N, C-alpha and C. Protein backbone atom coordinates (compact mmCIF):
# COMPACT_ATOMS: atom_id res chain seq x y z
N UNK A 1 -76.69 22.55 4.58
CA UNK A 1 -75.65 24.11 4.23
C UNK A 1 -76.26 25.01 3.50
N UNK A 2 -75.75 26.12 4.30
CA UNK A 2 -75.85 27.55 3.82
C UNK A 2 -75.27 27.51 2.33
N UNK A 3 -76.06 28.51 1.63
CA UNK A 3 -75.66 28.65 -0.30
C UNK A 3 -74.92 29.74 -0.27
N UNK A 4 -74.21 29.95 -0.92
CA UNK A 4 -73.42 31.26 -1.61
C UNK A 4 -74.60 31.75 -2.32
N UNK A 5 -74.57 33.23 -2.31
CA UNK A 5 -75.79 33.98 -2.88
C UNK A 5 -74.89 35.32 -4.12
N UNK A 6 -76.11 34.93 -4.80
CA UNK A 6 -75.38 36.11 -5.92
C UNK A 6 -76.36 37.24 -6.66
N UNK A 7 -76.47 38.50 -6.86
CA UNK A 7 -77.30 39.30 -7.76
C UNK A 7 -76.68 40.43 -8.29
N UNK A 8 -76.89 40.67 -9.30
CA UNK A 8 -76.27 41.65 -10.07
C UNK A 8 -76.99 42.82 -10.94
N UNK A 9 -76.50 43.83 -11.33
CA UNK A 9 -77.13 44.67 -11.98
C UNK A 9 -76.27 45.80 -12.43
N UNK A 10 -76.69 46.00 -13.78
CA UNK A 10 -76.05 47.08 -14.63
C UNK A 10 -76.52 48.31 -14.44
N UNK A 11 -75.29 49.30 -14.29
CA UNK A 11 -75.59 50.84 -13.82
C UNK A 11 -75.35 51.70 -14.93
N UNK A 12 -76.04 52.65 -15.59
CA UNK A 12 -75.78 53.80 -16.24
C UNK A 12 -75.14 54.71 -15.98
N UNK A 13 -73.92 54.31 -15.26
CA UNK A 13 -72.84 55.51 -14.12
C UNK A 13 -71.36 54.61 -14.14
N UNK A 14 -70.53 55.70 -14.46
CA UNK A 14 -69.23 55.14 -14.21
C UNK A 14 -68.66 54.25 -12.76
N UNK A 15 -67.94 53.47 -12.64
CA UNK A 15 -67.49 52.93 -11.51
C UNK A 15 -67.10 53.84 -10.29
N UNK A 16 -66.53 54.93 -10.75
CA UNK A 16 -66.28 56.17 -9.53
C UNK A 16 -67.39 56.29 -8.85
N UNK A 17 -68.47 56.88 -9.54
CA UNK A 17 -69.94 57.13 -8.94
C UNK A 17 -70.35 56.33 -8.30
N UNK A 18 -70.40 54.90 -8.95
CA UNK A 18 -71.07 53.95 -8.05
C UNK A 18 -70.10 53.65 -6.60
N UNK A 19 -69.27 53.51 -7.15
CA UNK A 19 -68.07 53.18 -5.80
C UNK A 19 -68.63 54.57 -4.47
N UNK A 20 -68.57 55.66 -5.30
CA UNK A 20 -68.77 56.78 -4.02
C UNK A 20 -70.30 56.53 -3.41
N UNK A 21 -70.94 55.76 -3.89
CA UNK A 21 -72.15 55.24 -3.03
C UNK A 21 -72.20 54.21 -2.09
N UNK A 22 -71.69 53.35 -2.94
CA UNK A 22 -71.26 52.09 -1.87
C UNK A 22 -70.03 52.02 -0.95
N UNK A 23 -69.17 52.89 -1.27
CA UNK A 23 -68.15 52.73 -0.03
C UNK A 23 -68.33 53.83 0.99
N UNK A 24 -69.56 54.62 0.87
CA UNK A 24 -69.93 55.35 1.88
C UNK A 24 -71.06 54.57 3.01
N UNK A 25 -70.36 53.95 3.64
CA UNK A 25 -71.31 52.92 4.43
C UNK A 25 -72.46 53.75 5.48
N UNK A 26 -72.59 54.71 5.32
CA UNK A 26 -73.37 55.44 6.33
C UNK A 26 -74.73 55.15 5.62
N UNK A 27 -74.69 55.17 4.02
CA UNK A 27 -75.89 55.30 3.31
C UNK A 27 -76.61 54.06 3.59
N UNK A 28 -75.85 53.15 3.82
CA UNK A 28 -76.34 51.37 4.09
C UNK A 28 -77.73 51.40 4.29
N UNK A 29 -78.25 52.16 5.44
CA UNK A 29 -79.52 51.88 5.80
C UNK A 29 -80.72 52.59 4.52
N UNK A 30 -80.10 53.39 3.94
CA UNK A 30 -80.76 53.79 2.59
C UNK A 30 -80.92 52.86 1.78
N UNK A 31 -79.81 52.11 1.51
CA UNK A 31 -79.97 51.23 0.17
C UNK A 31 -80.42 49.86 0.49
N UNK A 32 -80.21 49.49 1.51
CA UNK A 32 -80.38 47.91 2.18
C UNK A 32 -81.76 48.07 3.02
N UNK A 33 -82.88 46.78 3.00
CA UNK A 33 -83.81 47.12 3.39
C UNK A 33 -83.36 46.38 4.83
N UNK A 34 -82.35 45.67 5.12
CA UNK A 34 -82.31 45.16 6.45
C UNK A 34 -81.18 45.70 7.33
N UNK A 35 -80.71 46.83 6.65
CA UNK A 35 -79.37 47.39 7.31
C UNK A 35 -80.12 48.81 8.27
N UNK A 36 -80.45 48.96 9.62
CA UNK A 36 -80.57 50.38 10.21
C UNK A 36 -79.45 51.19 10.46
N UNK A 37 -78.26 51.06 10.49
CA UNK A 37 -77.17 51.70 10.93
C UNK A 37 -75.95 50.52 10.62
N UNK A 38 -74.53 51.38 9.89
CA UNK A 38 -73.29 50.65 9.84
C UNK A 38 -72.29 51.88 9.89
N UNK A 39 -71.18 51.74 11.07
CA UNK A 39 -70.42 52.47 11.26
C UNK A 39 -69.06 51.83 11.05
N UNK A 40 -68.20 52.21 10.33
CA UNK A 40 -67.01 51.99 10.31
C UNK A 40 -66.28 52.80 11.26
N UNK A 41 -65.48 51.69 12.16
CA UNK A 41 -64.81 52.27 13.45
C UNK A 41 -63.37 52.78 12.39
N UNK A 42 -63.10 54.13 12.88
CA UNK A 42 -61.67 54.54 12.16
C UNK A 42 -61.89 55.00 10.72
N UNK A 43 -63.24 54.66 10.34
CA UNK A 43 -63.56 54.84 8.72
C UNK A 43 -63.29 53.92 7.71
N UNK A 44 -63.44 54.36 6.62
CA UNK A 44 -63.88 52.51 5.67
C UNK A 44 -62.58 52.80 5.15
N UNK A 45 -61.87 51.44 5.36
CA UNK A 45 -60.41 51.15 4.82
C UNK A 45 -60.48 49.52 5.13
N UNK A 46 -59.15 49.08 4.29
CA UNK A 46 -58.96 47.65 4.75
C UNK A 46 -58.73 47.39 5.99
N UNK A 47 -59.47 46.50 6.60
CA UNK A 47 -59.02 45.81 7.72
C UNK A 47 -59.95 46.65 8.79
N UNK A 48 -60.48 47.49 8.56
CA UNK A 48 -61.79 48.57 9.91
C UNK A 48 -62.55 47.47 9.98
N UNK A 49 -63.03 47.49 11.08
CA UNK A 49 -64.32 46.94 11.85
C UNK A 49 -65.24 48.04 11.75
N UNK A 50 -66.44 47.11 11.50
CA UNK A 50 -68.00 48.09 11.62
C UNK A 50 -68.69 47.47 12.60
N UNK A 51 -69.70 48.23 13.00
CA UNK A 51 -70.62 48.11 14.11
C UNK A 51 -71.96 48.05 13.32
N UNK A 52 -73.20 46.93 13.35
CA UNK A 52 -73.93 47.25 12.54
C UNK A 52 -75.13 47.41 13.18
N UNK A 53 -76.51 47.66 13.02
CA UNK A 53 -77.57 47.18 13.29
C UNK A 53 -78.73 47.05 12.30
N UNK A 54 -79.54 45.85 12.37
CA UNK A 54 -80.32 45.08 11.28
C UNK A 54 -81.20 44.70 11.97
N UNK A 55 -82.31 44.58 10.92
CA UNK A 55 -83.55 44.04 11.14
C UNK A 55 -83.94 43.21 10.26
N UNK A 56 -84.88 42.25 10.34
CA UNK A 56 -85.58 41.07 9.41
C UNK A 56 -87.14 41.42 10.39
N UNK A 57 -87.79 42.08 9.48
CA UNK A 57 -89.50 42.15 10.02
C UNK A 57 -89.39 43.02 10.99
N UNK A 58 -89.68 42.60 12.41
CA UNK A 58 -89.84 43.25 13.53
C UNK A 58 -88.43 42.81 14.11
N UNK A 59 -87.94 41.84 13.83
CA UNK A 59 -86.85 41.44 14.84
C UNK A 59 -85.35 42.53 14.47
N UNK A 60 -84.88 43.47 15.73
CA UNK A 60 -83.90 43.85 15.45
C UNK A 60 -82.48 43.15 16.19
N UNK A 61 -81.11 43.39 15.52
CA UNK A 61 -80.17 42.73 15.83
C UNK A 61 -78.92 43.39 15.54
N UNK A 62 -77.79 43.42 16.50
CA UNK A 62 -76.55 44.09 16.34
C UNK A 62 -75.54 42.76 15.52
N UNK A 63 -74.74 43.14 14.68
CA UNK A 63 -73.53 42.40 13.96
C UNK A 63 -72.40 43.09 14.08
N UNK A 64 -71.18 42.72 13.67
CA UNK A 64 -70.29 43.52 13.71
C UNK A 64 -69.25 42.54 12.18
N UNK A 65 -68.50 43.50 11.78
CA UNK A 65 -67.95 42.41 10.64
C UNK A 65 -66.64 43.40 10.49
N UNK A 66 -65.46 42.89 9.68
CA UNK A 66 -64.25 43.31 9.21
C UNK A 66 -64.12 43.39 7.61
N UNK A 67 -64.01 44.76 7.61
CA UNK A 67 -63.56 44.93 5.99
C UNK A 67 -62.15 44.18 5.47
N UNK A 68 -62.57 43.23 4.35
CA UNK A 68 -61.37 42.44 3.91
C UNK A 68 -61.02 42.24 2.56
N UNK A 69 -61.74 43.54 2.01
CA UNK A 69 -61.30 44.14 0.51
C UNK A 69 -61.93 45.61 0.38
N UNK A 70 -60.74 46.39 0.31
CA UNK A 70 -61.07 47.90 -0.04
C UNK A 70 -60.50 48.32 -1.33
N UNK A 71 -60.95 47.79 -2.36
CA UNK A 71 -60.01 48.17 -3.42
C UNK A 71 -61.22 49.52 -4.20
N UNK A 72 -60.66 50.78 -3.99
CA UNK A 72 -61.60 51.81 -4.65
C UNK A 72 -62.04 51.80 -6.03
N UNK A 73 -62.99 51.67 -6.27
CA UNK A 73 -63.83 51.62 -8.11
C UNK A 73 -63.69 50.29 -8.31
N UNK A 74 -63.46 49.33 -7.55
CA UNK A 74 -63.41 47.87 -7.51
C UNK A 74 -63.97 46.88 -6.64
N UNK A 75 -63.64 46.87 -5.69
CA UNK A 75 -64.29 45.56 -4.63
C UNK A 75 -64.34 46.15 -3.38
N UNK A 76 -65.45 46.19 -2.63
CA UNK A 76 -65.51 46.27 -1.38
C UNK A 76 -66.32 44.79 -0.58
N UNK A 77 -65.74 44.30 0.48
CA UNK A 77 -65.96 43.21 1.29
C UNK A 77 -65.82 43.35 2.49
N UNK A 78 -66.60 42.78 3.32
CA UNK A 78 -66.78 42.83 4.69
C UNK A 78 -67.13 41.18 5.45
N UNK A 79 -66.54 40.45 6.12
CA UNK A 79 -66.52 39.07 6.62
C UNK A 79 -67.26 39.54 8.26
N UNK A 80 -68.62 39.05 8.09
CA UNK A 80 -69.54 38.96 9.57
C UNK A 80 -68.65 38.16 10.37
N UNK A 81 -68.57 39.17 11.67
CA UNK A 81 -67.98 38.04 12.60
C UNK A 81 -68.86 36.90 13.06
N UNK A 82 -69.97 37.34 13.40
CA UNK A 82 -70.88 36.39 13.94
C UNK A 82 -71.07 35.02 12.99
N UNK A 83 -70.99 35.23 11.76
CA UNK A 83 -71.24 33.79 11.01
C UNK A 83 -70.18 33.45 10.17
N UNK A 84 -69.30 34.38 9.83
CA UNK A 84 -68.07 34.11 9.28
C UNK A 84 -68.44 34.26 7.59
N UNK A 85 -69.75 34.67 7.18
CA UNK A 85 -69.94 35.08 5.89
C UNK A 85 -69.29 36.11 5.42
N UNK A 86 -69.08 36.41 4.07
CA UNK A 86 -68.26 37.72 3.44
C UNK A 86 -69.26 37.99 2.48
N UNK A 87 -69.57 39.53 2.53
CA UNK A 87 -70.30 40.08 1.58
C UNK A 87 -69.38 41.02 0.66
N UNK A 88 -69.69 41.04 -0.40
CA UNK A 88 -68.68 41.67 -1.37
C UNK A 88 -69.70 42.43 -2.61
N UNK A 89 -69.17 43.29 -3.06
CA UNK A 89 -69.60 44.23 -3.84
C UNK A 89 -68.11 44.23 -4.72
N UNK A 90 -68.89 43.91 -6.13
CA UNK A 90 -67.76 43.98 -7.21
C UNK A 90 -68.26 44.65 -8.39
N UNK A 91 -67.23 45.65 -8.84
CA UNK A 91 -67.38 46.64 -9.51
C UNK A 91 -66.91 46.36 -11.14
N UNK A 92 -67.26 46.37 -12.13
CA UNK A 92 -66.84 46.35 -13.44
C UNK A 92 -66.92 47.25 -14.34
N UNK A 93 -66.10 47.78 -15.02
CA UNK A 93 -66.67 48.43 -15.94
C UNK A 93 -67.40 48.02 -17.51
N UNK A 94 -68.20 48.75 -17.88
CA UNK A 94 -69.01 48.28 -18.82
C UNK A 94 -68.86 49.39 -20.09
N UNK A 95 -69.64 48.99 -21.13
CA UNK A 95 -69.62 49.75 -22.55
C UNK A 95 -70.37 50.74 -21.80
N UNK A 96 -71.28 50.74 -21.19
CA UNK A 96 -72.28 51.75 -20.65
C UNK A 96 -72.18 52.35 -19.26
N UNK A 97 -71.61 51.87 -18.59
CA UNK A 97 -71.49 52.32 -17.09
C UNK A 97 -70.57 50.96 -16.57
N UNK A 98 -71.24 50.45 -15.64
CA UNK A 98 -70.97 49.91 -14.44
C UNK A 98 -71.80 48.21 -14.21
N UNK A 99 -71.17 47.24 -14.22
CA UNK A 99 -71.77 46.10 -13.88
C UNK A 99 -71.24 45.98 -12.03
N UNK A 100 -72.24 45.84 -11.16
CA UNK A 100 -72.33 45.71 -10.21
C UNK A 100 -72.60 43.63 -9.41
N UNK A 101 -71.67 43.23 -8.83
CA UNK A 101 -72.26 42.01 -8.38
C UNK A 101 -72.13 41.96 -6.88
N UNK A 102 -73.11 41.63 -6.34
CA UNK A 102 -72.74 41.27 -4.86
C UNK A 102 -73.23 39.76 -4.34
N UNK A 103 -72.63 39.70 -3.88
CA UNK A 103 -72.14 38.29 -3.11
C UNK A 103 -72.20 38.00 -1.89
N UNK A 104 -72.74 36.67 -1.63
CA UNK A 104 -72.19 36.62 0.06
C UNK A 104 -71.97 35.05 -0.09
N UNK A 105 -70.88 35.03 0.57
CA UNK A 105 -70.14 33.70 0.46
C UNK A 105 -70.09 32.96 1.91
N UNK A 106 -70.38 31.53 1.88
CA UNK A 106 -70.08 30.80 3.24
C UNK A 106 -68.76 30.42 3.41
N UNK A 107 -67.89 30.42 4.62
CA UNK A 107 -66.77 29.73 4.83
C UNK A 107 -66.92 28.30 4.28
N UNK A 108 -66.09 27.98 3.06
CA UNK A 108 -66.01 26.61 2.70
C UNK A 108 -66.05 25.44 3.56
N UNK A 109 -65.12 25.74 4.69
CA UNK A 109 -64.77 24.90 5.49
C UNK A 109 -65.62 24.63 6.68
N UNK A 110 -65.86 25.85 7.49
CA UNK A 110 -66.27 26.07 8.81
C UNK A 110 -67.70 26.06 8.33
N UNK A 111 -68.33 26.89 7.53
CA UNK A 111 -69.67 27.00 7.29
C UNK A 111 -70.36 28.06 8.34
N UNK A 112 -71.53 28.19 8.42
CA UNK A 112 -72.17 29.05 9.34
C UNK A 112 -72.41 28.14 10.61
N UNK A 113 -72.35 28.92 11.86
CA UNK A 113 -72.09 28.38 12.92
C UNK A 113 -73.22 27.51 13.34
N UNK A 114 -73.55 26.65 13.96
CA UNK A 114 -74.52 25.64 14.17
C UNK A 114 -75.78 26.44 14.91
N UNK A 115 -75.61 27.10 15.89
CA UNK A 115 -76.51 28.19 16.61
C UNK A 115 -76.89 29.12 15.73
N UNK A 116 -76.33 29.32 14.70
CA UNK A 116 -76.99 30.34 13.80
C UNK A 116 -77.88 29.48 12.72
N UNK A 117 -77.69 28.75 12.70
CA UNK A 117 -78.60 27.74 11.69
C UNK A 117 -79.68 27.51 12.83
N UNK A 118 -79.74 27.29 13.77
CA UNK A 118 -80.99 27.01 14.34
C UNK A 118 -81.70 28.08 14.70
N UNK A 119 -81.03 29.37 14.80
CA UNK A 119 -81.94 30.52 14.78
C UNK A 119 -82.71 30.76 13.47
N UNK A 120 -82.07 30.44 12.36
CA UNK A 120 -82.89 30.77 11.21
C UNK A 120 -83.71 29.77 10.96
N UNK A 121 -83.99 29.00 11.27
CA UNK A 121 -84.77 27.77 11.19
C UNK A 121 -85.71 27.99 12.02
N UNK A 122 -85.54 28.60 13.42
CA UNK A 122 -86.87 28.91 14.37
C UNK A 122 -87.28 29.80 14.20
N UNK A 123 -86.34 31.06 14.11
CA UNK A 123 -86.98 32.62 13.82
C UNK A 123 -87.16 32.94 12.49
N UNK A 124 -86.23 32.54 11.44
CA UNK A 124 -86.59 33.32 10.41
C UNK A 124 -86.89 32.46 9.24
N UNK A 125 -87.72 31.32 9.76
CA UNK A 125 -88.60 30.69 8.68
C UNK A 125 -87.70 29.84 7.88
N UNK A 126 -86.83 29.32 8.40
CA UNK A 126 -85.73 28.28 7.68
C UNK A 126 -84.81 28.55 6.78
N UNK A 127 -83.76 27.81 6.17
CA UNK A 127 -82.67 28.37 5.42
C UNK A 127 -83.16 28.58 3.97
N UNK A 128 -84.44 27.93 3.65
CA UNK A 128 -84.19 28.41 2.12
C UNK A 128 -85.22 29.73 2.35
N UNK A 129 -86.06 29.90 2.93
CA UNK A 129 -86.88 31.34 3.05
C UNK A 129 -86.12 32.42 3.20
N UNK A 130 -85.34 31.99 4.62
CA UNK A 130 -84.26 33.15 4.32
C UNK A 130 -83.17 33.59 3.57
N UNK A 131 -82.73 32.61 2.75
CA UNK A 131 -81.65 32.87 1.74
C UNK A 131 -82.83 33.67 0.60
N UNK A 132 -83.32 33.34 0.13
CA UNK A 132 -84.83 33.76 -0.79
C UNK A 132 -84.84 35.01 -0.40
N UNK A 133 -84.97 35.66 1.22
CA UNK A 133 -85.35 36.93 1.43
C UNK A 133 -83.84 37.41 1.32
N UNK A 134 -82.73 37.12 1.54
CA UNK A 134 -81.43 37.71 1.28
C UNK A 134 -81.16 38.22 -0.19
N UNK A 135 -81.56 37.28 -1.05
CA UNK A 135 -81.60 37.39 -2.50
C UNK A 135 -82.41 38.70 -2.54
N UNK A 136 -83.52 38.86 -2.25
CA UNK A 136 -84.56 40.05 -2.45
C UNK A 136 -84.15 40.93 -2.17
N UNK A 137 -83.19 41.29 -0.99
CA UNK A 137 -82.64 42.43 -0.50
C UNK A 137 -81.45 42.95 -0.98
N UNK A 138 -80.67 41.90 -1.51
CA UNK A 138 -79.48 42.26 -2.40
C UNK A 138 -79.86 42.77 -3.47
N UNK A 139 -80.84 42.58 -4.57
CA UNK A 139 -81.80 43.27 -5.51
C UNK A 139 -82.17 44.37 -5.30
N UNK A 140 -82.87 44.34 -4.39
CA UNK A 140 -83.52 45.52 -3.82
C UNK A 140 -82.14 46.80 -3.71
N UNK A 141 -81.28 46.28 -2.67
CA UNK A 141 -80.13 46.97 -2.73
C UNK A 141 -79.53 47.75 -3.98
N UNK A 142 -79.07 46.56 -4.80
CA UNK A 142 -78.51 46.91 -6.23
C UNK A 142 -79.54 48.31 -6.97
N UNK A 143 -80.84 47.62 -6.99
CA UNK A 143 -81.88 48.51 -7.57
C UNK A 143 -81.57 50.12 -6.70
N UNK A 144 -81.30 50.18 -5.58
CA UNK A 144 -81.26 51.41 -4.90
C UNK A 144 -80.00 52.06 -5.42
N UNK A 145 -78.80 51.30 -5.16
CA UNK A 145 -77.71 51.98 -5.70
C UNK A 145 -77.89 52.31 -7.16
N UNK A 146 -78.36 51.44 -8.43
CA UNK A 146 -78.59 52.12 -9.40
C UNK A 146 -79.67 53.14 -9.79
N UNK A 147 -80.44 53.11 -8.83
CA UNK A 147 -81.20 54.66 -8.93
C UNK A 147 -80.76 55.97 -8.34
N UNK A 148 -79.77 55.88 -7.40
CA UNK A 148 -79.19 56.87 -6.80
C UNK A 148 -77.87 57.29 -7.49
N UNK A 149 -76.94 56.40 -8.50
CA UNK A 149 -76.23 56.48 -9.21
C UNK A 149 -76.38 57.17 -10.63
N UNK A 150 -77.76 56.53 -11.02
CA UNK A 150 -78.24 57.30 -12.07
C UNK A 150 -78.90 58.88 -12.15
N UNK A 151 -79.23 59.00 -11.00
CA UNK A 151 -79.60 60.64 -10.99
C UNK A 151 -79.00 61.75 -11.49
């Protein structure tokens, strides 16, 4: 069964500054090592759908998601339609700026579809490697958000 994943970082910038970067989904390709394009259909808001183009190594694939949490300066989350995982960015004010926590959670009842677990096993090196790569990508994304916010 896939695991819930988490990464976090402290950023020396106000939550509003960090939010302006994360909520601009057009910037996701600049921030995430696995995102080539992310388009919010009708704008970034609660309930909006996104169309995404992703990559892992040389493999390129489309996905779609729905924004399930949009709280300015606090929380942005989207549920992937293909695998039911939820990707969330939580912003917490700190004495020196903002702590950002990125999580990927798996539906506790339905899990990840069997077809996708098979694909991960065959094409992406297995669940353990795939999840380690996801966490590395989360850390890279957060580092890039930090660099952009602290400029």
